[in-house]
């Protein structure tokens, strides 16, 4: 009897946890140049979900963030969470973050563009930093 109750409790918990994630939303993912962040190059930005797609974007300019391959984004209530390849939440829209870049080499235009290399919550940070 005790095993049945324990199994039932575990099943209900897992069912409740899995029901909290909504639909997957589009996320721009690219193959970055070999990993590496630069502590002196960063941007502090407020991240919001694009109202039509849910894609995480920079508040104010609407630019979507680019992520390394393997990252995904999912609706959670009225916000969107970005998960790394291991399934850990690294960003939730509606908050401020300090983002350090890694790069994607755009061979079609011979230039590098920002790809999220490291992201840290930074509610008390002042907006600004390097350009994103």
C-alpha atoms as a PDB file:
ATOM      1  CA  UNK A   1       0.000   0.000   0.000  1.00  0.00           C
ATOM      2  CA  UNK A   2       2.806   2.396   0.862  1.00  0.00           C
ATOM      3  CA  UNK A   3       4.505   1.775  -2.520  1.00  0.00           C
ATOM      4  CA  UNK A   4       1.270   2.487  -4.373  1.00  0.00           C
ATOM      5  CA  UNK A   5       0.786   5.768  -2.496  1.00  0.00           C
ATOM      6  CA  UNK A   6       4.408   6.780  -3.142  1.00  0.00           C
ATOM      7  CA  UNK A   7       4.140   5.934  -6.844  1.00  0.00           C
ATOM      8  CA  UNK A   8       0.871   7.865  -7.125  1.00  0.00           C
ATOM      9  CA  UNK A   9       2.360  10.911  -5.385  1.00  0.00           C
ATOM     10  CA  UNK A  10       5.412  10.816  -7.672  1.00  0.00           C
ATOM     11  CA  UNK A  11       3.242  10.494 -10.784  1.00  0.00           C
ATOM     12  CA  UNK A  12       1.092  13.476  -9.749  1.00  0.00           C
ATOM     13  CA  UNK A  13       4.189  15.557  -9.058  1.00  0.00           C
ATOM     14  CA  UNK A  14       5.700  14.730 -12.438  1.00  0.00           C
ATOM     15  CA  UNK A  15       2.425  15.421 -14.193  1.00  0.00           C
ATOM     16  CA  UNK A  16       2.200  18.817 -12.494  1.00  0.00           C
ATOM     17  CA  UNK A  17       5.780  19.697 -13.413  1.00  0.00           C
ATOM     18  CA  UNK A  18       5.452  18.714 -17.044  1.00  0.00           C
ATOM     19  CA  UNK A  19       2.231  20.663 -17.456  1.00  0.00           C
ATOM     20  CA  UNK A  20       3.882  24.006 -16.658  1.00  0.00           C
ATOM     21  CA  UNK A  21       5.775  24.281 -19.959  1.00  0.00           C
ATOM     22  CA  UNK A  22       3.858  25.555 -22.943  1.00  0.00           C
ATOM     23  CA  UNK A  23       4.667  25.453 -26.626  1.00  0.00           C
ATOM     24  CA  UNK A  24       8.142  25.742 -28.080  1.00  0.00           C
ATOM     25  CA  UNK A  25       8.892  29.128 -29.620  1.00  0.00           C
ATOM     26  CA  UNK A  26      11.309  29.958 -32.454  1.00  0.00           C
ATOM     27  CA  UNK A  27      14.873  30.671 -31.406  1.00  0.00           C
ATOM     28  CA  UNK A  28      17.697  31.767 -33.688  1.00  0.00           C
ATOM     29  CA  UNK A  29      20.491  29.231 -33.217  1.00  0.00           C
ATOM     30  CA  UNK A  30      23.823  29.199 -35.016  1.00  0.00           C
ATOM     31  CA  UNK A  31      27.085  27.333 -34.895  1.00  0.00           C
ATOM     32  CA  UNK A  32      29.391  29.739 -33.075  1.00  0.00           C
ATOM     33  CA  UNK A  33      33.084  30.221 -33.621  1.00  0.00           C
ATOM     34  CA  UNK A  34      34.950  28.180 -30.952  1.00  0.00           C
ATOM     35  CA  UNK A  35      33.569  29.215 -27.551  1.00  0.00           C
ATOM     36  CA  UNK A  36      35.047  32.131 -25.767  1.00  0.00           C
ATOM     37  CA  UNK A  37      33.670  35.142 -24.002  1.00  0.00           C
ATOM     38  CA  UNK A  38      35.309  38.423 -23.362  1.00  0.00           C
ATOM     39  CA  UNK A  39      34.655  39.987 -19.940  1.00  0.00           C
ATOM     40  CA  UNK A  40      35.323  43.459 -21.315  1.00  0.00           C
ATOM     41  CA  UNK A  41      32.783  43.100 -24.115  1.00  0.00           C
ATOM     42  CA  UNK A  42      29.227  42.777 -22.849  1.00  0.00           C
ATOM     43  CA  UNK A  43      25.788  44.307 -22.960  1.00  0.00           C
ATOM     44  CA  UNK A  44      23.238  44.754 -20.203  1.00  0.00           C
ATOM     45  CA  UNK A  45      19.789  44.508 -21.758  1.00  0.00           C
ATOM     46  CA  UNK A  46      16.176  43.982 -20.838  1.00  0.00           C
ATOM     47  CA  UNK A  47      14.895  40.905 -22.642  1.00  0.00           C
ATOM     48  CA  UNK A  48      11.260  40.572 -23.710  1.00  0.00           C
ATOM     49  CA  UNK A  49       9.311  38.067 -25.766  1.00  0.00           C
ATOM     50  CA  UNK A  50       8.345  39.150 -29.269  1.00  0.00           C
ATOM     51  CA  UNK A  51       4.546  39.548 -29.059  1.00  0.00           C
ATOM     52  CA  UNK A  52       3.851  37.556 -32.210  1.00  0.00           C
ATOM     53  CA  UNK A  53       6.464  34.763 -32.107  1.00  0.00           C
ATOM     54  CA  UNK A  54       7.681  34.618 -28.515  1.00  0.00           C
ATOM     55  CA  UNK A  55      11.313  34.841 -29.649  1.00  0.00           C
ATOM     56  CA  UNK A  56      13.449  36.547 -26.960  1.00  0.00           C
ATOM     57  CA  UNK A  57      14.363  40.041 -28.156  1.00  0.00           C
ATOM     58  CA  UNK A  58      16.082  43.116 -26.781  1.00  0.00           C
ATOM     59  CA  UNK A  59      13.587  45.580 -25.365  1.00  0.00           C
ATOM     60  CA  UNK A  60      13.751  48.882 -27.186  1.00  0.00           C
ATOM     61  CA  UNK A  61      15.271  47.808 -30.483  1.00  0.00           C
ATOM     62  CA  UNK A  62      13.455  44.488 -31.017  1.00  0.00           C
ATOM     63  CA  UNK A  63      16.585  42.646 -32.125  1.00  0.00           C
ATOM     64  CA  UNK A  64      16.283  38.896 -31.572  1.00  0.00           C
ATOM     65  CA  UNK A  65      19.094  37.235 -29.625  1.00  0.00           C
ATOM     66  CA  UNK A  66      21.166  34.535 -31.347  1.00  0.00           C
ATOM     67  CA  UNK A  67      21.983  31.382 -29.376  1.00  0.00           C
ATOM     68  CA  UNK A  68      24.417  28.474 -29.801  1.00  0.00           C
ATOM     69  CA  UNK A  69      23.070  25.297 -31.403  1.00  0.00           C
ATOM     70  CA  UNK A  70      21.222  23.075 -28.932  1.00  0.00           C
ATOM     71  CA  UNK A  71      19.441  25.899 -27.084  1.00  0.00           C
ATOM     72  CA  UNK A  72      15.619  25.932 -27.099  1.00  0.00           C
ATOM     73  CA  UNK A  73      12.885  28.309 -25.951  1.00  0.00           C
ATOM     74  CA  UNK A  74       9.493  27.516 -24.415  1.00  0.00           C
ATOM     75  CA  UNK A  75       6.493  29.507 -23.274  1.00  0.00           C
ATOM     76  CA  UNK A  76       5.994  29.437 -19.507  1.00  0.00           C
ATOM     77  CA  UNK A  77       2.914  31.399 -18.561  1.00  0.00           C
ATOM     78  CA  UNK A  78       3.207  34.869 -20.089  1.00  0.00           C
ATOM     79  CA  UNK A  79       7.005  34.649 -20.432  1.00  0.00           C
ATOM     80  CA  UNK A  80       9.493  32.580 -22.436  1.00  0.00           C
ATOM     81  CA  UNK A  81      12.366  30.565 -20.987  1.00  0.00           C
ATOM     82  CA  UNK A  82      15.557  29.719 -22.869  1.00  0.00           C
ATOM     83  CA  UNK A  83      17.141  26.375 -22.015  1.00  0.00           C
ATOM     84  CA  UNK A  84      20.702  25.316 -22.764  1.00  0.00           C
ATOM     85  CA  UNK A  85      21.564  21.981 -24.338  1.00  0.00           C
ATOM     86  CA  UNK A  86      21.455  20.278 -20.921  1.00  0.00           C
ATOM     87  CA  UNK A  87      17.921  21.563 -20.258  1.00  0.00           C
ATOM     88  CA  UNK A  88      18.868  24.206 -17.665  1.00  0.00           C
ATOM     89  CA  UNK A  89      17.037  27.535 -17.774  1.00  0.00           C
ATOM     90  CA  UNK A  90      19.513  30.295 -18.669  1.00  0.00           C
ATOM     91  CA  UNK A  91      17.121  33.183 -19.337  1.00  0.00           C
ATOM     92  CA  UNK A  92      13.507  34.131 -18.712  1.00  0.00           C
ATOM     93  CA  UNK A  93      12.032  37.057 -20.637  1.00  0.00           C
ATOM     94  CA  UNK A  94      10.803  40.030 -18.661  1.00  0.00           C
ATOM     95  CA  UNK A  95      14.144  40.458 -16.864  1.00  0.00           C
ATOM     96  CA  UNK A  96      17.491  42.246 -17.232  1.00  0.00           C
ATOM     97  CA  UNK A  97      20.649  40.315 -18.150  1.00  0.00           C
ATOM     98  CA  UNK A  98      24.368  40.873 -18.650  1.00  0.00           C
ATOM     99  CA  UNK A  99      25.250  39.090 -21.889  1.00  0.00           C
ATOM    100  CA  UNK A 100      28.807  38.287 -22.906  1.00  0.00           C
ATOM    101  CA  UNK A 101      29.294  37.269 -26.526  1.00  0.00           C
ATOM    102  CA  UNK A 102      30.822  34.536 -28.472  1.00  0.00           C
ATOM    103  CA  UNK A 103      30.745  34.968 -32.229  1.00  0.00           C
ATOM    104  CA  UNK A 104      29.332  33.525 -35.396  1.00  0.00           C
ATOM    105  CA  UNK A 105      31.444  34.075 -38.443  1.00  0.00           C
ATOM    106  CA  UNK A 106      29.177  35.117 -41.281  1.00  0.00           C
ATOM    107  CA  UNK A 107      31.128  33.840 -44.265  1.00  0.00           C
ATOM    108  CA  UNK A 108      28.690  35.462 -46.681  1.00  0.00           C
ATOM    109  CA  UNK A 109      29.571  38.957 -45.464  1.00  0.00           C
ATOM    110  CA  UNK A 110      33.016  38.406 -43.924  1.00  0.00           C
ATOM    111  CA  UNK A 111      31.983  39.695 -40.533  1.00  0.00           C
ATOM    112  CA  UNK A 112      31.308  38.409 -37.045  1.00  0.00           C
ATOM    113  CA  UNK A 113      28.001  38.851 -35.255  1.00  0.00           C
ATOM    114  CA  UNK A 114      27.029  38.498 -31.596  1.00  0.00           C
ATOM    115  CA  UNK A 115      25.902  35.117 -30.342  1.00  0.00           C
ATOM    116  CA  UNK A 116      25.055  34.694 -26.660  1.00  0.00           C
ATOM    117  CA  UNK A 117      28.143  33.189 -25.022  1.00  0.00           C
ATOM    118  CA  UNK A 118      27.310  33.713 -21.353  1.00  0.00           C
ATOM    119  CA  UNK A 119      24.212  35.202 -19.794  1.00  0.00           C
ATOM    120  CA  UNK A 120      23.713  36.226 -16.171  1.00  0.00           C
ATOM    121  CA  UNK A 121      20.714  37.785 -14.432  1.00  0.00           C
ATOM    122  CA  UNK A 122      21.568  41.358 -13.509  1.00  0.00           C
ATOM    123  CA  UNK A 123      18.478  43.097 -12.119  1.00  0.00           C
ATOM    124  CA  UNK A 124      20.498  45.917 -10.505  1.00  0.00           C
ATOM    125  CA  UNK A 125      22.855  46.555 -13.442  1.00  0.00           C
ATOM    126  CA  UNK A 126      22.640  49.742 -15.451  1.00  0.00           C
ATOM    127  CA  UNK A 127      21.635  49.282 -19.099  1.00  0.00           C
ATOM    128  CA  UNK A 128      24.469  49.597 -21.586  1.00  0.00           C
ATOM    129  CA  UNK A 129      27.881  48.154 -22.232  1.00  0.00           C
ATOM    130  CA  UNK A 130      29.179  47.036 -25.596  1.00  0.00           C
ATOM    131  CA  UNK A 131      26.907  47.026 -28.611  1.00  0.00           C
ATOM    132  CA  UNK A 132      24.737  44.028 -29.279  1.00  0.00           C
END
